[in-house]
């Protein structure tokens, strides 16, 4: 048999690894001392140049399938490990065939759950760990991925500003669909509850689980958190015509959960108006790039997010979901954004940049609508903002508008 290495990133150093040796017998000189989770397969971390790779020994067809699945998940921006390659055609010193190997990049600063629990996690920290897994499962299901083997062992956790971010590690049982049925999602949740309870019972037997923590209650809490989050993200909401401020309120709740609105649908029937919001997790810089492409406005990421939320709400409110988004964006720019910017008196134009003024008008309108219990018009919000809020702002333009031609130029050799 001929050794075959398939990789998206050619790396000649892969040929130097001892592929003719069973993975569990690889010499210490090639291994990286990192904590490993529990796995049904042999897994080893290896040092290769300036990176660390995880190598898993599995059957050839499973290796190919999981490699392809991880590549698809990465294209969907799902939090998961990065696939690096697959090795086929391995044989030992006697010419006997060995299983294939799946190679993934080690996720820096991540730890398996057992390593985290070995540090005697505080109860509130353990709760955040479960929150991270629930959020990961929601993200996977929103993208149509049925995991089939949800567990703490198949997840890596990375600390994230006081919380945890969870990443999928093992995708060999997963299936990718256009959309999951409720039955598929519930099946995944049943698997999760059984697996997680068993893993926590194992930790409890080893003395690593908080004394007051019940493995079954903790496992059930993940399911409860999942349902709460799923309902907040996908549940429909009815409201009366003119209550656009409630649309903004719903979008705010989604943003607080870490999601952004990818699609906004509003349908009207005899019973009233129904809002359906489809969330999607997007990457950094997504909003500013999208706004620049649609409108030519080059603004900050948070400003872009707020302006795009208003654009999406405008699209739905004017029943133009089927219209080309560039056309709707041009209409929104000329009928909504530019009139607000032009309405600023000459004496106040230096207080804030235009995008920030528009953002603040939207904020001001939302608060006015909330207080009034009705949808305040944009004209009404602009008038009130310009008379009560903007005049009190400092003259920012005079601070940032320095003439750089008059600044001294210092020549320096590095």
Protein backbone atom coordinates (compact mmCIF):
# COMPACT_ATOMS: atom_id res chain seq x y z
CA UNK A 1 0.00 0.00 0.00
CA UNK A 2 1.11 3.55 -0.73
CA UNK A 3 0.93 6.23 1.95
CA UNK A 4 -1.53 8.94 0.90
CA UNK A 5 -1.83 12.26 2.68
CA UNK A 6 -4.72 14.58 1.82
CA UNK A 7 -4.47 18.07 3.27
CA UNK A 8 -5.78 21.54 2.49
CA UNK A 9 -2.43 22.97 3.56
CA UNK A 10 0.59 21.16 2.13
CA UNK A 11 3.10 20.42 4.88
CA UNK A 12 6.16 18.33 4.00
CA UNK A 13 6.91 17.76 7.69
CA UNK A 14 3.90 15.41 7.83
CA UNK A 15 6.05 12.83 6.03
CA UNK A 16 8.45 12.78 9.01
CA UNK A 17 5.83 11.45 11.44
CA UNK A 18 5.97 7.70 12.23
CA UNK A 19 2.90 6.63 10.24
CA UNK A 20 4.09 2.99 10.17
CA UNK A 21 3.71 2.81 13.97
CA UNK A 22 0.30 2.41 15.69
CA UNK A 23 -0.69 5.77 17.11
CA UNK A 24 -0.74 4.58 20.73
CA UNK A 25 2.96 3.63 20.37
CA UNK A 26 4.23 6.89 18.95
CA UNK A 27 7.45 8.05 20.67
CA UNK A 28 7.32 10.81 23.26
CA UNK A 29 9.69 12.90 21.16
CA UNK A 30 6.94 13.54 18.63
CA UNK A 31 4.16 14.24 21.13
CA UNK A 32 3.01 17.46 22.75
CA UNK A 33 2.12 17.29 26.44
CA UNK A 34 -1.47 18.53 26.35
CA UNK A 35 -4.52 17.34 28.30
CA UNK A 36 -6.69 14.90 26.34
CA UNK A 37 -10.36 14.21 26.77
CA UNK A 38 -12.00 10.80 26.79
CA UNK A 39 -12.32 9.29 23.31
CA UNK A 40 -13.35 5.93 21.91
CA UNK A 41 -10.40 6.24 19.53
CA UNK A 42 -6.68 6.73 20.11
CA UNK A 43 -5.85 10.45 19.98
CA UNK A 44 -2.42 12.05 20.24
CA UNK A 45 -1.16 15.63 20.02
CA UNK A 46 1.96 16.08 17.92
CA UNK A 47 4.36 18.97 17.41
CA UNK A 48 4.83 19.94 13.79
CA UNK A 49 6.92 23.00 13.17
CA UNK A 50 5.36 25.88 15.04
CA UNK A 51 1.94 24.27 15.41
CA UNK A 52 0.32 21.47 17.38
CA UNK A 53 -1.92 18.95 15.60
CA UNK A 54 -4.37 16.42 16.97
CA UNK A 55 -4.17 13.00 15.30
CA UNK A 56 -7.03 10.51 15.65
CA UNK A 57 -6.76 6.90 14.46
CA UNK A 58 -10.02 5.71 12.87
CA UNK A 59 -11.37 3.68 9.94
CA UNK A 60 -10.68 5.18 6.52
CA UNK A 61 -14.29 5.82 5.51
CA UNK A 62 -15.05 7.50 8.86
CA UNK A 63 -11.91 9.64 8.58
CA UNK A 64 -12.90 10.85 5.11
CA UNK A 65 -16.45 11.58 6.21
CA UNK A 66 -15.45 13.50 9.31
CA UNK A 67 -12.82 15.48 7.42
CA UNK A 68 -15.42 16.55 4.85
CA UNK A 69 -17.98 17.32 7.58
CA UNK A 70 -15.57 19.53 9.52
CA UNK A 71 -14.70 21.43 6.35
CA UNK A 72 -18.40 22.04 5.71
CA UNK A 73 -18.97 23.18 9.29
CA UNK A 74 -16.06 25.60 9.04
CA UNK A 75 -17.61 27.09 5.91
CA UNK A 76 -20.77 27.68 7.94
CA UNK A 77 -18.71 29.46 10.64
CA UNK A 78 -19.70 26.83 13.19
CA UNK A 79 -17.42 26.78 16.27
CA UNK A 80 -15.43 23.60 15.69
CA UNK A 81 -11.85 22.41 15.33
CA UNK A 82 -10.10 23.06 12.03
CA UNK A 83 -9.55 19.97 9.81
CA UNK A 84 -5.98 19.66 8.62
CA UNK A 85 -5.78 16.42 6.66
CA UNK A 86 -6.34 12.66 6.34
CA UNK A 87 -3.71 9.93 6.06
CA UNK A 88 -4.47 6.69 4.21
CA UNK A 89 -2.44 3.63 3.22
CA UNK A 90 -0.65 3.13 6.54
CA UNK A 91 1.10 -0.18 7.16
CA UNK A 92 3.22 -1.43 10.06
CA UNK A 93 6.75 -2.84 9.89
CA UNK A 94 5.35 -6.24 8.85
CA UNK A 95 3.25 -4.79 6.05
CA UNK A 96 -0.02 -5.19 7.95
CA UNK A 97 -2.54 -2.41 7.29
CA UNK A 98 -3.18 0.22 9.96
CA UNK A 99 -6.23 2.45 10.36
CA UNK A 100 -6.32 5.86 8.72
CA UNK A 101 -5.68 9.04 10.70
CA UNK A 102 -7.68 12.25 10.83
CA UNK A 103 -5.60 15.35 11.55
CA UNK A 104 -7.04 18.54 13.04
CA UNK A 105 -5.36 21.68 14.35
CA UNK A 106 -5.20 21.97 18.11
CA UNK A 107 -7.48 24.75 19.37
CA UNK A 108 -5.17 27.02 21.33
CA UNK A 109 -6.05 27.85 24.94
CA UNK A 110 -8.80 25.23 24.95
CA UNK A 111 -9.29 22.46 27.48
CA UNK A 112 -11.42 19.32 27.73
CA UNK A 113 -14.07 19.33 30.45
CA UNK A 114 -12.17 16.88 32.66
CA UNK A 115 -9.18 19.22 32.80
CA UNK A 116 -11.46 22.08 33.83
CA UNK A 117 -13.22 20.06 36.51
CA UNK A 118 -9.89 18.88 37.87
CA UNK A 119 -9.31 22.52 38.85
CA UNK A 120 -12.25 22.30 41.28
CA UNK A 121 -14.60 24.59 39.41
CA UNK A 122 -16.82 26.87 41.46
CA UNK A 123 -20.56 26.16 41.02
CA UNK A 124 -21.15 29.38 39.05
CA UNK A 125 -18.22 28.54 36.75
CA UNK A 126 -19.64 25.09 36.11
CA UNK A 127 -22.96 26.70 35.18
CA UNK A 128 -21.22 28.87 32.57
CA UNK A 129 -19.63 25.73 31.16
CA UNK A 130 -23.06 24.20 30.64
CA UNK A 131 -24.34 27.46 29.16
CA UNK A 132 -21.56 27.32 26.57
CA UNK A 133 -22.49 23.77 25.55
CA UNK A 134 -26.17 24.69 25.29
CA UNK A 135 -25.29 27.67 23.09
CA UNK A 136 -23.07 25.50 20.88
CA UNK A 137 -25.89 23.00 20.41
CA UNK A 138 -28.30 25.78 19.45
CA UNK A 139 -25.82 27.14 16.91
CA UNK A 140 -25.33 23.71 15.38
CA UNK A 141 -29.06 23.08 15.14
CA UNK A 142 -29.72 26.48 13.57
CA UNK A 143 -27.27 25.52 10.81
CA UNK A 144 -28.96 22.16 10.27
CA UNK A 145 -26.34 19.97 11.96
CA UNK A 146 -27.52 16.89 13.84
CA UNK A 147 -24.66 15.88 16.13
CA UNK A 148 -25.71 12.37 17.09
CA UNK A 149 -23.17 12.12 19.91
CA UNK A 150 -23.54 15.25 22.03
CA UNK A 151 -21.31 15.07 25.07
CA UNK A 152 -18.82 16.99 27.14
CA UNK A 153 -16.11 14.65 25.85
CA UNK A 154 -16.75 15.71 22.26
CA UNK A 155 -16.42 19.41 23.14
CA UNK A 156 -13.53 21.72 23.90
CA UNK A 157 -13.94 24.80 26.08
CA UNK A 158 -12.03 28.05 25.89
CA UNK A 159 -12.28 30.85 28.45
CA UNK A 160 -13.97 33.91 27.01
CA UNK A 161 -14.08 37.08 29.15
CA UNK A 162 -15.44 35.42 32.26
CA UNK A 163 -17.53 32.90 30.37
CA UNK A 164 -16.71 29.90 28.20
CA UNK A 165 -16.90 29.30 24.46
CA UNK A 166 -17.60 25.72 23.38
CA UNK A 167 -16.23 24.09 20.21
CA UNK A 168 -17.24 20.85 18.53
CA UNK A 169 -14.38 18.34 18.34
CA UNK A 170 -15.90 15.06 17.15
CA UNK A 171 -18.22 15.12 14.11
CA UNK A 172 -17.99 11.51 12.94
CA UNK A 173 -21.66 10.75 13.75
CA UNK A 174 -23.02 14.10 12.55
CA UNK A 175 -25.34 14.82 9.67
CA UNK A 176 -25.84 18.11 7.87
CA UNK A 177 -29.36 18.95 6.67
CA UNK A 178 -31.01 21.99 5.15
CA UNK A 179 -33.10 22.20 8.30
CA UNK A 180 -33.58 19.96 11.33
CA UNK A 181 -36.99 18.69 12.35
CA UNK A 182 -38.17 19.04 15.93
CA UNK A 183 -37.77 15.28 16.26
CA UNK A 184 -34.12 15.41 15.21
CA UNK A 185 -33.41 18.21 17.67
CA UNK A 186 -35.13 16.39 20.51
CA UNK A 187 -33.21 13.21 19.65
CA UNK A 188 -29.94 15.16 19.98
CA UNK A 189 -31.12 16.55 23.33
CA UNK A 190 -31.97 13.07 24.61
CA UNK A 191 -28.49 11.88 23.65
CA UNK A 192 -26.97 14.94 25.32
CA UNK A 193 -28.81 14.41 28.59
CA UNK A 194 -27.83 10.74 28.86
CA UNK A 195 -24.18 11.29 27.90
CA UNK A 196 -23.65 14.34 30.09
CA UNK A 197 -25.27 12.73 33.13
CA UNK A 198 -22.99 9.73 32.70
CA UNK A 199 -19.88 11.90 32.36
CA UNK A 200 -20.79 13.91 35.46
CA UNK A 201 -21.44 10.71 37.42
CA UNK A 202 -17.93 9.62 36.48
CA UNK A 203 -16.56 12.94 37.75
CA UNK A 204 -18.61 12.58 40.93
CA UNK A 205 -17.13 9.14 41.56
CA UNK A 206 -13.66 10.66 41.24
CA UNK A 207 -14.46 13.45 43.68
CA UNK A 208 -14.27 16.23 41.09
CA UNK A 209 -17.91 17.29 41.15
CA UNK A 210 -19.29 19.85 43.58
CA UNK A 211 -20.87 17.98 46.49
CA UNK A 212 -24.22 19.70 46.13
CA UNK A 213 -24.33 19.13 42.36
CA UNK A 214 -26.58 16.35 41.11
CA UNK A 215 -25.39 14.91 37.75
CA UNK A 216 -28.96 14.39 36.53
CA UNK A 217 -30.07 17.89 37.51
CA UNK A 218 -27.04 19.46 35.83
CA UNK A 219 -27.65 17.46 32.65
CA UNK A 220 -31.33 18.47 32.69
CA UNK A 221 -30.35 22.13 33.19
CA UNK A 222 -28.50 22.11 29.87
CA UNK A 223 -31.70 20.98 28.16
CA UNK A 224 -33.68 23.74 29.91
CA UNK A 225 -31.12 26.35 28.83
CA UNK A 226 -31.26 25.05 25.28
CA UNK A 227 -35.06 25.36 25.12
CA UNK A 228 -34.97 28.86 26.59
CA UNK A 229 -32.38 30.03 24.08
CA UNK A 230 -34.04 28.28 21.15
CA UNK A 231 -37.37 29.89 21.99
CA UNK A 232 -35.81 33.35 22.26
CA UNK A 233 -34.11 32.93 18.90
CA UNK A 234 -36.79 31.25 16.81
CA UNK A 235 -40.12 31.93 18.52
CA UNK A 236 -42.72 33.99 16.65
CA UNK A 237 -44.26 37.09 18.14
CA UNK A 238 -47.51 38.88 17.28
CA UNK A 239 -47.99 42.61 17.50
CA UNK A 240 -50.18 45.36 16.11
CA UNK A 241 -49.35 47.47 13.07
CA UNK A 242 -47.30 50.48 14.18
CA UNK A 243 -45.48 48.67 16.99
CA UNK A 244 -42.16 48.74 15.20
CA UNK A 245 -40.39 49.54 18.47
CA UNK A 246 -41.21 45.99 19.58
CA UNK A 247 -39.29 44.68 16.57
CA UNK A 248 -36.28 46.70 17.75
CA UNK A 249 -36.76 45.29 21.25
CA UNK A 250 -36.69 41.73 19.92
CA UNK A 251 -33.53 42.45 17.93
CA UNK A 252 -31.91 43.88 21.07
CA UNK A 253 -32.64 40.67 22.97
CA UNK A 254 -31.06 38.62 20.21
CA UNK A 255 -27.96 40.85 20.18
CA UNK A 256 -27.62 40.44 23.94
CA UNK A 257 -27.62 36.66 23.44
CA UNK A 258 -24.72 37.00 21.00
CA UNK A 259 -26.74 36.57 17.82
CA UNK A 260 -27.39 38.93 14.94
CA UNK A 261 -30.42 39.08 12.70
CA UNK A 262 -29.71 37.58 9.30
CA UNK A 263 -33.29 37.67 8.04
CA UNK A 264 -36.43 39.47 9.19
CA UNK A 265 -39.87 38.48 7.95
CA UNK A 266 -43.16 40.20 8.74
CA UNK A 267 -46.43 38.73 7.49
CA UNK A 268 -49.89 40.23 7.87
CA UNK A 269 -53.15 38.29 8.13
CA UNK A 270 -56.63 38.83 9.53
CA UNK A 271 -55.39 38.21 13.05
CA UNK A 272 -52.77 40.93 12.97
CA UNK A 273 -49.12 41.18 12.09
CA UNK A 274 -46.63 38.42 12.90
CA UNK A 275 -42.87 38.85 13.15
CA UNK A 276 -40.53 35.97 12.41
CA UNK A 277 -36.83 36.58 13.01
CA UNK A 278 -34.18 34.12 11.82
CA UNK A 279 -30.88 34.66 13.68
CA UNK A 280 -27.46 33.83 12.41
CA UNK A 281 -24.05 34.03 14.05
CA UNK A 282 -21.80 36.15 11.85
CA UNK A 283 -18.07 36.77 11.87
CA UNK A 284 -16.19 39.90 12.95
CA UNK A 285 -16.41 42.76 10.48
CA UNK A 286 -19.41 41.21 8.73
CA UNK A 287 -21.70 44.18 9.33
CA UNK A 288 -19.32 46.92 8.23
CA UNK A 289 -18.48 44.99 5.06
CA UNK A 290 -22.14 44.36 4.25
CA UNK A 291 -23.14 47.99 4.86
CA UNK A 292 -20.26 49.27 2.73
CA UNK A 293 -21.25 46.95 -0.10
CA UNK A 294 -24.92 47.95 0.05
CA UNK A 295 -24.71 51.69 0.74
CA UNK A 296 -21.13 52.89 0.42
CA UNK A 297 -21.17 53.95 4.09
CA UNK A 298 -17.85 53.15 5.77
CA UNK A 299 -18.58 53.05 9.50
CA UNK A 300 -17.61 51.11 12.62
CA UNK A 301 -18.81 47.55 13.22
CA UNK A 302 -21.29 48.42 15.97
CA UNK A 303 -22.64 51.36 14.00
CA UNK A 304 -23.01 49.12 10.95
CA UNK A 305 -24.88 46.52 12.98
CA UNK A 306 -27.36 49.12 14.19
CA UNK A 307 -27.86 50.65 10.74
CA UNK A 308 -28.32 47.23 9.14
CA UNK A 309 -30.89 46.27 11.76
CA UNK A 310 -32.85 49.37 10.76
CA UNK A 311 -32.41 48.55 7.08
CA UNK A 312 -33.71 45.01 7.64
CA UNK A 313 -36.66 46.32 9.64
CA UNK A 314 -37.39 48.86 6.88
CA UNK A 315 -37.28 46.08 4.27
CA UNK A 316 -39.86 44.06 6.20
CA UNK A 317 -42.05 47.05 7.10
CA UNK A 318 -42.27 48.08 3.42
CA UNK A 319 -42.91 44.48 2.33
CA UNK A 320 -39.85 44.30 0.07
CA UNK A 321 -38.36 40.98 1.21
CA UNK A 322 -38.35 39.70 -2.38
CA UNK A 323 -36.71 42.82 -3.81
CA UNK A 324 -32.97 42.92 -4.56
CA UNK A 325 -31.30 44.10 -1.35
CA UNK A 326 -29.13 46.67 -3.17
CA UNK A 327 -32.26 48.37 -4.47
CA UNK A 328 -33.90 48.42 -1.04
CA UNK A 329 -30.67 49.67 0.54
CA UNK A 330 -30.52 52.60 -1.91
CA UNK A 331 -34.14 53.45 -1.09
CA UNK A 332 -33.47 53.26 2.66
CA UNK A 333 -30.38 55.44 2.24
CA UNK A 334 -32.29 58.17 0.39
CA UNK A 335 -35.56 58.01 2.33
CA UNK A 336 -34.40 57.22 5.88
CA UNK A 337 -30.69 57.72 6.55
CA UNK A 338 -29.87 60.83 4.49
CA UNK A 339 -32.93 62.87 5.59
CA UNK A 340 -31.90 62.34 9.23
CA UNK A 341 -28.32 63.41 8.55
CA UNK A 342 -29.42 66.46 6.49
CA UNK A 343 -31.78 67.58 9.24
CA UNK A 344 -28.90 68.36 11.61
CA UNK A 345 -28.47 72.15 11.88
CA UNK A 346 -25.21 73.56 10.57
CA UNK A 347 -24.26 74.68 14.08
CA UNK A 348 -24.45 71.08 15.35
CA UNK A 349 -22.89 69.08 12.51
CA UNK A 350 -19.54 68.89 14.31
CA UNK A 351 -20.93 67.29 17.44
CA UNK A 352 -20.89 63.69 16.18
CA UNK A 353 -20.16 61.90 12.92
CA UNK A 354 -23.25 61.22 10.77
CA UNK A 355 -23.46 57.45 11.42
CA UNK A 356 -23.25 58.02 15.17
CA UNK A 357 -25.98 60.65 15.01
CA UNK A 358 -28.24 58.25 13.10
CA UNK A 359 -27.50 55.51 15.62
CA UNK A 360 -28.37 57.83 18.50
CA UNK A 361 -31.60 58.90 16.79
CA UNK A 362 -32.58 55.22 16.51
CA UNK A 363 -31.78 54.72 20.19
CA UNK A 364 -33.73 57.85 21.09
CA UNK A 365 -36.70 56.70 19.02
CA UNK A 366 -36.71 53.31 20.70
CA UNK A 367 -36.76 54.83 24.19
CA UNK A 368 -39.49 57.28 23.19
CA UNK A 369 -41.56 54.42 21.75
CA UNK A 370 -41.06 52.34 24.88
CA UNK A 371 -42.19 55.20 27.11
CA UNK A 372 -45.16 56.02 24.88
CA UNK A 373 -46.16 52.41 24.34
CA UNK A 374 -46.51 53.06 20.61
CA UNK A 375 -44.35 53.35 17.51
CA UNK A 376 -42.95 56.91 17.50
CA UNK A 377 -42.29 58.21 14.00
CA UNK A 378 -38.77 58.93 12.80
CA UNK A 379 -39.59 62.62 12.21
CA UNK A 380 -40.87 62.97 15.76
CA UNK A 381 -37.76 61.26 17.16
CA UNK A 382 -35.42 63.42 15.07
CA UNK A 383 -37.05 66.66 16.21
CA UNK A 384 -36.88 65.67 19.86
CA UNK A 385 -33.29 64.43 19.57
CA UNK A 386 -32.08 67.60 17.87
CA UNK A 387 -33.70 69.81 20.49
CA UNK A 388 -32.95 67.86 23.69
CA UNK A 389 -29.94 65.58 23.13
CA UNK A 390 -27.51 66.69 20.42
CA UNK A 391 -27.02 70.28 21.66
CA UNK A 392 -25.55 68.89 24.89
CA UNK A 393 -22.92 66.83 23.05
CA UNK A 394 -19.31 68.10 22.95
CA UNK A 395 -17.82 69.36 19.70
CA UNK A 396 -16.05 66.13 18.69
CA UNK A 397 -15.09 67.34 15.22
CA UNK A 398 -12.85 70.02 16.68
CA UNK A 399 -11.00 67.34 18.63
CA UNK A 400 -10.46 64.77 15.91
CA UNK A 401 -10.22 67.13 12.94
CA UNK A 402 -6.53 67.98 13.33
CA UNK A 403 -4.71 69.22 10.25
CA UNK A 404 -2.10 66.51 9.83
CA UNK A 405 -0.13 68.53 7.29
CA UNK A 406 0.91 70.85 10.13
CA UNK A 407 2.11 67.98 12.35
CA UNK A 408 5.90 67.47 12.41
CA UNK A 409 7.25 64.47 10.53
CA UNK A 410 9.85 62.48 12.44
CA UNK A 411 12.24 60.36 10.42
CA UNK A 412 13.13 57.08 12.13
CA UNK A 413 15.12 54.04 11.12
CA UNK A 414 14.12 50.70 12.68
